[in-house]
Amino acid sequence: MDQASLRTLLENVASGALSVDEAAEALARLPFADVGGVAKVDHHRELRCGFPEVVFCQGKSPAQVRAIAREVLDAGPVFLGTRATASHYQAVGQVALDARYFEEARLVVVDRREERPSVGHVVVASGGTADTPVAEEAAIVAEVMGNRVTRLADVGVAGVHRLFAHLDVLRQANVVIAVAGMEGALPSLVGGLVACPVIAVPTSVGYGSHLGGLAALLAMLNSCAAGIGVVNIDNGFGAAVLASRINHAAAGAAGAAG
């Protein structure tokens, strides 16, 4: 349930279109709902945080994800599952024929909103093609969360002129997500070029001493460029959520000022 739905419910009670008992029944499941004893779906999440609970599919069986998806969609129009396999997608498809699977990003999305907002501007820049799965996770999640997204692919520091060709796009952003593996230098470069916040995402792309993304993570944490925040290795989802909140705040402030 979102703010608009809650307001409509209360207005219906006030006008007499809905009885107090009917409203109480509708609100009974609002805090959370138990799903087969294996999950508790937080139906209050959107009221608190602005977006429904997102389901981390890794470690869950397809049947469990299917049951959770049914519960989420019974209460609202959006389901988002991360780290999903084709089996998870097929299971969700049994209760939502309109489910979409983004294989590279490992996302399952059901979006039944009549209006899909797209505010502000988030730029997702990735160092190399091998970083695309994480960058796409960030980009798609940000789009589902109502942000206008521009993708800049393969703009790593080994060919720095490729990034410089997009300076105008970078400087129009409210926030930049910089995704990179190897030595993880891209966020530092971007951070020295823009005035907006930069969210650095290290990826597990690289050779042996890269240590599965640890080298990139430490490099990003030790960046000399200011205005950079760092999320965990391969965490495109976490970067997208943070970027969405920054972008919505910036877009809202710009709207209020206008």
C-alpha atoms as a PDB file:
ATOM      1  CA  MET A   1       0.000   0.000   0.000  1.00  0.00           C
ATOM      2  CA  ASP A   2       1.299   3.434  -0.935  1.00  0.00           C
ATOM      3  CA  GLN A   3       0.417   6.910   0.302  1.00  0.00           C
ATOM      4  CA  ALA A   4      -2.215   7.429  -2.389  1.00  0.00           C
ATOM      5  CA  SER A   5      -3.965   4.126  -1.617  1.00  0.00           C
ATOM      6  CA  LEU A   6      -3.991   4.848   2.103  1.00  0.00           C
ATOM      7  CA  ARG A   7      -5.407   8.311   1.514  1.00  0.00           C
ATOM      8  CA  THR A   8      -8.149   6.898  -0.735  1.00  0.00           C
ATOM      9  CA  LEU A   9      -9.023   4.314   1.909  1.00  0.00           C
ATOM     10  CA  LEU A  10      -9.371   6.975   4.610  1.00  0.00           C
ATOM     11  CA  GLU A  11     -11.385   9.260   2.328  1.00  0.00           C
ATOM     12  CA  ASN A  12     -13.785   6.400   1.571  1.00  0.00           C
ATOM     13  CA  VAL A  13     -14.300   5.803   5.279  1.00  0.00           C
ATOM     14  CA  ALA A  14     -14.864   9.525   5.853  1.00  0.00           C
ATOM     15  CA  SER A  15     -17.413   9.717   3.039  1.00  0.00           C
ATOM     16  CA  GLY A  16     -19.233   6.557   4.129  1.00  0.00           C
ATOM     17  CA  ALA A  17     -18.350   4.665   0.954  1.00  0.00           C
ATOM     18  CA  LEU A  18     -16.420   2.162   3.081  1.00  0.00           C
ATOM     19  CA  SER A  19     -17.347   0.889   6.535  1.00  0.00           C
ATOM     20  CA  VAL A  20     -14.946   0.982   9.460  1.00  0.00           C
ATOM     21  CA  ASP A  21     -14.950  -2.829   9.550  1.00  0.00           C
ATOM     22  CA  GLU A  22     -14.074  -3.026   5.841  1.00  0.00           C
ATOM     23  CA  ALA A  23     -11.249  -0.545   6.320  1.00  0.00           C
ATOM     24  CA  ALA A  24      -9.966  -2.449   9.340  1.00  0.00           C
ATOM     25  CA  GLU A  25      -9.896  -5.639   7.292  1.00  0.00           C
ATOM     26  CA  ALA A  26      -7.978  -3.890   4.519  1.00  0.00           C
ATOM     27  CA  LEU A  27      -5.439  -2.585   7.036  1.00  0.00           C
ATOM     28  CA  ALA A  28      -5.063  -5.857   8.927  1.00  0.00           C
ATOM     29  CA  ARG A  29      -2.395  -7.128   6.517  1.00  0.00           C
ATOM     30  CA  LEU A  30      -0.645  -3.786   6.162  1.00  0.00           C
ATOM     31  CA  PRO A  31       2.309  -4.315   8.540  1.00  0.00           C
ATOM     32  CA  PHE A  32       3.355  -7.687   7.063  1.00  0.00           C
ATOM     33  CA  ALA A  33       1.970 -11.003   5.880  1.00  0.00           C
ATOM     34  CA  ASP A  34       3.332 -14.453   6.643  1.00  0.00           C
ATOM     35  CA  VAL A  35       3.948 -16.542   3.532  1.00  0.00           C
ATOM     36  CA  GLY A  36       3.926 -20.230   4.328  1.00  0.00           C
ATOM     37  CA  GLY A  37       6.123 -19.786   7.370  1.00  0.00           C
ATOM     38  CA  VAL A  38       9.187 -19.078   5.193  1.00  0.00           C
ATOM     39  CA  ALA A  39       8.869 -15.333   4.600  1.00  0.00           C
ATOM     40  CA  LYS A  40       7.149 -12.277   6.029  1.00  0.00           C
ATOM     41  CA  VAL A  41       6.301  -9.816   3.260  1.00  0.00           C
ATOM     42  CA  ASP A  42       6.572  -6.223   4.478  1.00  0.00           C
ATOM     43  CA  HIS A  43       3.513  -4.491   3.021  1.00  0.00           C
ATOM     44  CA  HIS A  44       4.380  -1.356   4.996  1.00  0.00           C
ATOM     45  CA  ARG A  45       7.682  -0.857   3.141  1.00  0.00           C
ATOM     46  CA  GLU A  46       6.368   1.516   0.487  1.00  0.00           C
ATOM     47  CA  LEU A  47       4.725   3.780   3.060  1.00  0.00           C
ATOM     48  CA  ARG A  48       8.010   4.021   4.975  1.00  0.00           C
ATOM     49  CA  CYS A  49      10.569   3.961   2.186  1.00  0.00           C
ATOM     50  CA  GLY A  50       8.786   4.929  -1.015  1.00  0.00           C
ATOM     51  CA  PHE A  51       8.989   1.579  -2.837  1.00  0.00           C
ATOM     52  CA  PRO A  52       7.606  -1.915  -2.115  1.00  0.00           C
ATOM     53  CA  GLU A  53       9.786  -4.618  -0.624  1.00  0.00           C
ATOM     54  CA  VAL A  54      12.217  -6.071  -3.158  1.00  0.00           C
ATOM     55  CA  VAL A  55      12.806  -9.837  -3.113  1.00  0.00           C
ATOM     56  CA  PHE A  56      16.348 -11.244  -3.091  1.00  0.00           C
ATOM     57  CA  CYS A  57      15.798 -14.526  -4.948  1.00  0.00           C
ATOM     58  CA  GLN A  58      19.204 -16.116  -4.445  1.00  0.00           C
ATOM     59  CA  GLY A  59      18.953 -18.883  -1.863  1.00  0.00           C
ATOM     60  CA  LYS A  60      15.180 -19.133  -2.248  1.00  0.00           C
ATOM     61  CA  SER A  61      13.495 -21.952  -4.141  1.00  0.00           C
ATOM     62  CA  PRO A  62      11.354 -21.128  -7.187  1.00  0.00           C
ATOM     63  CA  ALA A  63       8.280 -22.198  -5.214  1.00  0.00           C
ATOM     64  CA  GLN A  64       9.142 -19.814  -2.390  1.00  0.00           C
ATOM     65  CA  VAL A  65       9.677 -16.919  -4.800  1.00  0.00           C
ATOM     66  CA  ARG A  66       6.375 -17.736  -6.516  1.00  0.00           C
ATOM     67  CA  ALA A  67       4.494 -17.620  -3.219  1.00  0.00           C
ATOM     68  CA  ILE A  68       6.158 -14.353  -2.225  1.00  0.00           C
ATOM     69  CA  ALA A  69       5.432 -12.814  -5.632  1.00  0.00           C
ATOM     70  CA  ARG A  70       1.752 -13.767  -5.344  1.00  0.00           C
ATOM     71  CA  GLU A  71       1.533 -12.092  -1.935  1.00  0.00           C
ATOM     72  CA  VAL A  72       3.330  -8.949  -3.133  1.00  0.00           C
ATOM     73  CA  LEU A  73       1.125  -8.611  -6.222  1.00  0.00           C
ATOM     74  CA  ASP A  74      -2.065  -9.227  -4.255  1.00  0.00           C
ATOM     75  CA  ALA A  75      -1.237  -6.055  -2.352  1.00  0.00           C
ATOM     76  CA  GLY A  76       0.252  -3.856  -5.068  1.00  0.00           C
ATOM     77  CA  PRO A  77       1.121  -3.461  -8.751  1.00  0.00           C
ATOM     78  CA  VAL A  78       4.902  -3.981  -8.635  1.00  0.00           C
ATOM     79  CA  PHE A  79       7.111  -7.007  -7.998  1.00  0.00           C
ATOM     80  CA  LEU A  80      10.895  -6.797  -8.277  1.00  0.00           C
ATOM     81  CA  GLY A  81      13.112  -9.834  -7.733  1.00  0.00           C
ATOM     82  CA  THR A  82      16.908  -9.607  -7.776  1.00  0.00           C
ATOM     83  CA  ARG A  83      19.580 -12.284  -8.304  1.00  0.00           C
ATOM     84  CA  ALA A  84      16.912 -14.332 -10.049  1.00  0.00           C
ATOM     85  CA  THR A  85      17.442 -17.394 -12.217  1.00  0.00           C
ATOM     86  CA  ALA A  86      15.368 -18.537 -15.167  1.00  0.00           C
ATOM     87  CA  SER A  87      13.685 -21.006 -12.804  1.00  0.00           C
ATOM     88  CA  HIS A  88      12.643 -18.171 -10.501  1.00  0.00           C
ATOM     89  CA  TYR A  89      11.244 -16.292 -13.484  1.00  0.00           C
ATOM     90  CA  GLN A  90       9.279 -19.305 -14.697  1.00  0.00           C
ATOM     91  CA  ALA A  91       7.816 -19.753 -11.220  1.00  0.00           C
ATOM     92  CA  VAL A  92       6.758 -16.104 -10.982  1.00  0.00           C
ATOM     93  CA  GLY A  93       5.279 -16.421 -14.465  1.00  0.00           C
ATOM     94  CA  GLN A  94       2.853 -19.003 -13.111  1.00  0.00           C
ATOM     95  CA  VAL A  95       1.164 -16.287 -11.018  1.00  0.00           C
ATOM     96  CA  ALA A  96       1.996 -13.294 -13.230  1.00  0.00           C
ATOM     97  CA  LEU A  97       1.829 -13.835 -16.977  1.00  0.00           C
ATOM     98  CA  ASP A  98       3.155 -10.311 -17.499  1.00  0.00           C
ATOM     99  CA  ALA A  99       6.411 -11.014 -15.657  1.00  0.00           C
ATOM    100  CA  ARG A 100       9.594 -10.021 -17.507  1.00  0.00           C
ATOM    101  CA  TYR A 101      13.039 -11.538 -17.081  1.00  0.00           C
ATOM    102  CA  PHE A 102      16.238  -9.582 -17.625  1.00  0.00           C
ATOM    103  CA  GLU A 103      18.725 -12.427 -17.880  1.00  0.00           C
ATOM    104  CA  GLU A 104      21.930 -10.387 -17.893  1.00  0.00           C
ATOM    105  CA  ALA A 105      20.889  -8.343 -14.864  1.00  0.00           C
ATOM    106  CA  ARG A 106      19.227 -11.363 -13.188  1.00  0.00           C
ATOM    107  CA  LEU A 107      16.019  -9.441 -12.491  1.00  0.00           C
ATOM    108  CA  VAL A 108      12.358 -10.444 -12.546  1.00  0.00           C
ATOM    109  CA  VAL A 109       9.993  -7.497 -12.938  1.00  0.00           C
ATOM    110  CA  VAL A 110       6.212  -7.213 -12.846  1.00  0.00           C
ATOM    111  CA  ASP A 111       5.013  -3.632 -13.245  1.00  0.00           C
ATOM    112  CA  ARG A 112       1.262  -3.037 -13.551  1.00  0.00           C
ATOM    113  CA  ARG A 113       1.221   0.670 -12.781  1.00  0.00           C
ATOM    114  CA  GLU A 114      -0.881   2.668 -15.211  1.00  0.00           C
ATOM    115  CA  GLU A 115       1.503   5.592 -14.889  1.00  0.00           C
ATOM    116  CA  ARG A 116       5.234   4.967 -14.585  1.00  0.00           C
ATOM    117  CA  PRO A 117       7.067   8.028 -13.315  1.00  0.00           C
ATOM    118  CA  SER A 118      10.486   8.918 -14.681  1.00  0.00           C
ATOM    119  CA  VAL A 119      11.978  11.876 -12.843  1.00  0.00           C
ATOM    120  CA  GLY A 120      15.333  13.593 -12.598  1.00  0.00           C
ATOM    121  CA  HIS A 121      18.407  12.050 -14.166  1.00  0.00           C
ATOM    122  CA  VAL A 122      20.603   9.125 -13.093  1.00  0.00           C
ATOM    123  CA  VAL A 123      23.646   8.219 -15.177  1.00  0.00           C
ATOM    124  CA  VAL A 124      24.989   4.660 -14.996  1.00  0.00           C
ATOM    125  CA  ALA A 125      28.553   4.548 -16.335  1.00  0.00           C
ATOM    126  CA  SER A 126      30.416   1.250 -16.632  1.00  0.00           C
ATOM    127  CA  GLY A 127      34.123   0.708 -17.143  1.00  0.00           C
ATOM    128  CA  GLY A 128      33.989  -2.222 -19.537  1.00  0.00           C
ATOM    129  CA  THR A 129      31.642  -4.632 -21.237  1.00  0.00           C
ATOM    130  CA  ALA A 130      32.348  -7.247 -18.561  1.00  0.00           C
ATOM    131  CA  ASP A 131      30.785  -4.876 -16.009  1.00  0.00           C
ATOM    132  CA  THR A 132      27.491  -4.777 -17.922  1.00  0.00           C
ATOM    133  CA  PRO A 133      25.530  -7.290 -15.763  1.00  0.00           C
ATOM    134  CA  VAL A 134      26.046  -5.183 -12.631  1.00  0.00           C
ATOM    135  CA  ALA A 135      25.496  -1.923 -14.507  1.00  0.00           C
ATOM    136  CA  GLU A 136      22.263  -3.241 -16.006  1.00  0.00           C
ATOM    137  CA  GLU A 137      21.042  -4.359 -12.588  1.00  0.00           C
ATOM    138  CA  ALA A 138      21.593  -0.799 -11.376  1.00  0.00           C
ATOM    139  CA  ALA A 139      20.012   0.805 -14.450  1.00  0.00           C
ATOM    140  CA  ILE A 140      16.882  -1.363 -14.578  1.00  0.00           C
ATOM    141  CA  VAL A 141      16.239  -1.141 -10.842  1.00  0.00           C
ATOM    142  CA  ALA A 142      16.607   2.634 -11.008  1.00  0.00           C
ATOM    143  CA  GLU A 143      14.136   2.779 -13.903  1.00  0.00           C
ATOM    144  CA  VAL A 144      11.579   0.623 -12.079  1.00  0.00           C
ATOM    145  CA  MET A 145      11.936   2.936  -9.087  1.00  0.00           C
ATOM    146  CA  GLY A 146      10.851   5.874 -11.229  1.00  0.00           C
ATOM    147  CA  ASN A 147      14.089   7.473 -12.394  1.00  0.00           C
ATOM    148  CA  ARG A 148      15.170   8.669 -15.830  1.00  0.00           C
ATOM    149  CA  VAL A 149      18.333   6.728 -16.597  1.00  0.00           C
ATOM    150  CA  THR A 150      21.116   7.224 -19.133  1.00  0.00           C
ATOM    151  CA  ARG A 151      23.588   4.405 -19.736  1.00  0.00           C
ATOM    152  CA  LEU A 152      27.227   5.067 -20.636  1.00  0.00           C
ATOM    153  CA  ALA A 153      28.831   1.721 -21.450  1.00  0.00           C
ATOM    154  CA  ASP A 154      32.518   0.869 -21.848  1.00  0.00           C
ATOM    155  CA  VAL A 155      33.912   4.246 -20.739  1.00  0.00           C
ATOM    156  CA  GLY A 156      36.753   2.956 -18.567  1.00  0.00           C
ATOM    157  CA  VAL A 157      40.021   4.718 -17.866  1.00  0.00           C
ATOM    158  CA  ALA A 158      42.043   2.665 -20.365  1.00  0.00           C
ATOM    159  CA  GLY A 159      40.478   4.898 -23.017  1.00  0.00           C
ATOM    160  CA  VAL A 160      39.707   8.018 -21.056  1.00  0.00           C
ATOM    161  CA  HIS A 161      38.626   9.959 -24.161  1.00  0.00           C
ATOM    162  CA  ARG A 162      35.545   7.698 -24.306  1.00  0.00           C
ATOM    163  CA  LEU A 163      34.332   9.149 -21.001  1.00  0.00           C
ATOM    164  CA  PHE A 164      35.259  12.719 -21.912  1.00  0.00           C
ATOM    165  CA  ALA A 165      33.012  12.446 -24.961  1.00  0.00           C
ATOM    166  CA  HIS A 166      30.035  12.342 -22.564  1.00  0.00           C
ATOM    167  CA  LEU A 167      30.890  15.182 -20.197  1.00  0.00           C
ATOM    168  CA  ASP A 168      27.685  17.026 -21.039  1.00  0.00           C
ATOM    169  CA  VAL A 169      25.583  14.000 -20.047  1.00  0.00           C
ATOM    170  CA  LEU A 170      27.524  13.448 -16.823  1.00  0.00           C
ATOM    171  CA  ARG A 171      27.113  17.068 -15.790  1.00  0.00           C
ATOM    172  CA  GLN A 172      23.349  16.955 -16.316  1.00  0.00           C
ATOM    173  CA  ALA A 173      22.945  14.122 -13.807  1.00  0.00           C
ATOM    174  CA  ASN A 174      21.630  14.399 -10.273  1.00  0.00           C
ATOM    175  CA  VAL A 175      23.734  11.345  -9.375  1.00  0.00           C
ATOM    176  CA  VAL A 176      26.175   9.088 -11.225  1.00  0.00           C
ATOM    177  CA  ILE A 177      26.577   5.369 -10.604  1.00  0.00           C
ATOM    178  CA  ALA A 178      30.101   4.372 -11.666  1.00  0.00           C
ATOM    179  CA  VAL A 179      30.540   0.618 -12.123  1.00  0.00           C
ATOM    180  CA  ALA A 180      34.035  -0.803 -12.578  1.00  0.00           C
ATOM    181  CA  GLY A 181      36.185  -3.845 -12.003  1.00  0.00           C
ATOM    182  CA  MET A 182      39.925  -4.340 -12.483  1.00  0.00           C
ATOM    183  CA  GLU A 183      41.636  -1.483 -10.564  1.00  0.00           C
ATOM    184  CA  GLY A 184      38.341   0.336  -9.957  1.00  0.00           C
ATOM    185  CA  ALA A 185      39.542   3.767 -11.077  1.00  0.00           C
ATOM    186  CA  LEU A 186      36.426   4.959 -12.911  1.00  0.00           C
ATOM    187  CA  PRO A 187      34.602   6.493  -9.905  1.00  0.00           C
ATOM    188  CA  SER A 188      37.666   8.581  -9.021  1.00  0.00           C
ATOM    189  CA  LEU A 189      37.809   9.960 -12.540  1.00  0.00           C
ATOM    190  CA  VAL A 190      34.086  10.707 -12.607  1.00  0.00           C
ATOM    191  CA  GLY A 191      34.245  12.250  -9.138  1.00  0.00           C
ATOM    192  CA  GLY A 192      36.746  14.808 -10.377  1.00  0.00           C
ATOM    193  CA  LEU A 193      34.496  15.853 -13.260  1.00  0.00           C
ATOM    194  CA  VAL A 194      31.027  16.352 -11.748  1.00  0.00           C
ATOM    195  CA  ALA A 195      29.399  18.297  -8.924  1.00  0.00           C
ATOM    196  CA  CYS A 196      26.765  15.650  -8.123  1.00  0.00           C
ATOM    197  CA  PRO A 197      27.198  12.614  -5.829  1.00  0.00           C
ATOM    198  CA  VAL A 198      28.932   9.569  -7.306  1.00  0.00           C
ATOM    199  CA  ILE A 199      28.057   6.048  -6.200  1.00  0.00           C
ATOM    200  CA  ALA A 200      30.915   3.630  -6.820  1.00  0.00           C
ATOM    201  CA  VAL A 201      30.181  -0.036  -7.514  1.00  0.00           C
ATOM    202  CA  PRO A 202      33.159  -2.423  -7.560  1.00  0.00           C
ATOM    203  CA  THR A 203      32.665  -5.549  -9.660  1.00  0.00           C
ATOM    204  CA  SER A 204      34.213  -8.993  -9.380  1.00  0.00           C
ATOM    205  CA  VAL A 205      35.868  -8.569 -12.786  1.00  0.00           C
ATOM    206  CA  GLY A 206      39.629  -8.952 -13.062  1.00  0.00           C
ATOM    207  CA  TYR A 207      42.622 -11.252 -12.838  1.00  0.00           C
ATOM    208  CA  GLY A 208      43.942 -13.126  -9.820  1.00  0.00           C
ATOM    209  CA  SER A 209      45.239 -10.321  -7.621  1.00  0.00           C
ATOM    210  CA  HIS A 210      41.944  -8.565  -8.154  1.00  0.00           C
ATOM    211  CA  LEU A 211      40.689 -10.927  -5.425  1.00  0.00           C
ATOM    212  CA  GLY A 212      37.113 -11.161  -6.647  1.00  0.00           C
ATOM    213  CA  GLY A 213      36.501  -7.428  -6.526  1.00  0.00           C
ATOM    214  CA  LEU A 214      38.366  -6.644  -3.299  1.00  0.00           C
ATOM    215  CA  ALA A 215      41.070  -4.659  -5.143  1.00  0.00           C
ATOM    216  CA  ALA A 216      38.440  -2.463  -6.800  1.00  0.00           C
ATOM    217  CA  LEU A 217      36.532  -2.054  -3.532  1.00  0.00           C
ATOM    218  CA  LEU A 218      39.625  -0.900  -1.630  1.00  0.00           C
ATOM    219  CA  ALA A 219      40.623   1.438  -4.451  1.00  0.00           C
ATOM    220  CA  MET A 220      37.188   3.063  -4.423  1.00  0.00           C
ATOM    221  CA  LEU A 221      37.191   3.378  -0.637  1.00  0.00           C
ATOM    222  CA  ASN A 222      40.578   5.099  -0.863  1.00  0.00           C
ATOM    223  CA  SER A 223      39.703   7.471  -3.683  1.00  0.00           C
ATOM    224  CA  CYS A 224      41.171  10.961  -3.436  1.00  0.00           C
ATOM    225  CA  ALA A 225      38.163  12.394  -5.279  1.00  0.00           C
ATOM    226  CA  ALA A 226      35.479  13.888  -3.026  1.00  0.00           C
ATOM    227  CA  GLY A 227      31.771  13.183  -3.119  1.00  0.00           C
ATOM    228  CA  ILE A 228      32.020   9.420  -3.669  1.00  0.00           C
ATOM    229  CA  GLY A 229      30.126   6.750  -1.737  1.00  0.00           C
ATOM    230  CA  VAL A 230      30.880   3.052  -2.190  1.00  0.00           C
ATOM    231  CA  VAL A 231      28.556   0.040  -2.089  1.00  0.00           C
ATOM    232  CA  ASN A 232      29.455  -3.633  -1.854  1.00  0.00           C
ATOM    233  CA  ILE A 233      31.005  -5.719  -4.623  1.00  0.00           C
ATOM    234  CA  ASP A 234      28.579  -6.362  -7.520  1.00  0.00           C
ATOM    235  CA  ASN A 235      25.786  -4.556  -5.635  1.00  0.00           C
ATOM    236  CA  GLY A 236      24.076  -2.806  -8.523  1.00  0.00           C
ATOM    237  CA  PHE A 237      20.779  -3.014  -6.658  1.00  0.00           C
ATOM    238  CA  GLY A 238      22.085  -1.179  -3.603  1.00  0.00           C
ATOM    239  CA  ALA A 239      23.595   1.524  -5.790  1.00  0.00           C
ATOM    240  CA  ALA A 240      20.291   1.977  -7.633  1.00  0.00           C
ATOM    241  CA  VAL A 241      18.266   2.367  -4.428  1.00  0.00           C
ATOM    242  CA  LEU A 242      20.656   4.986  -3.071  1.00  0.00           C
ATOM    243  CA  ALA A 243      20.766   6.784  -6.418  1.00  0.00           C
ATOM    244  CA  SER A 244      16.973   6.754  -6.601  1.00  0.00           C
ATOM    245  CA  ARG A 245      16.610   8.418  -3.226  1.00  0.00           C
ATOM    246  CA  ILE A 246      19.198  11.077  -4.086  1.00  0.00           C
ATOM    247  CA  ASN A 247      17.630  11.688  -7.494  1.00  0.00           C
ATOM    248  CA  HIS A 248      14.069  11.927  -6.175  1.00  0.00           C
ATOM    249  CA  ALA A 249      15.174  14.341  -3.473  1.00  0.00           C
ATOM    250  CA  ALA A 250      16.986  16.477  -6.054  1.00  0.00           C
ATOM    251  CA  ALA A 251      14.073  16.364  -8.499  1.00  0.00           C
ATOM    252  CA  GLY A 252      11.636  17.266  -5.730  1.00  0.00           C
ATOM    253  CA  ALA A 253      13.784  20.178  -4.617  1.00  0.00           C
ATOM    254  CA  ALA A 254      14.070  21.415  -8.193  1.00  0.00           C
ATOM    255  CA  GLY A 255      10.293  21.169  -8.620  1.00  0.00           C
ATOM    256  CA  ALA A 256       9.661  23.077  -5.407  1.00  0.00           C
ATOM    257  CA  ALA A 257      12.102  25.777  -6.443  1.00  0.00           C
ATOM    258  CA  GLY A 258      10.460  26.061  -9.855  1.00  0.00           C
END
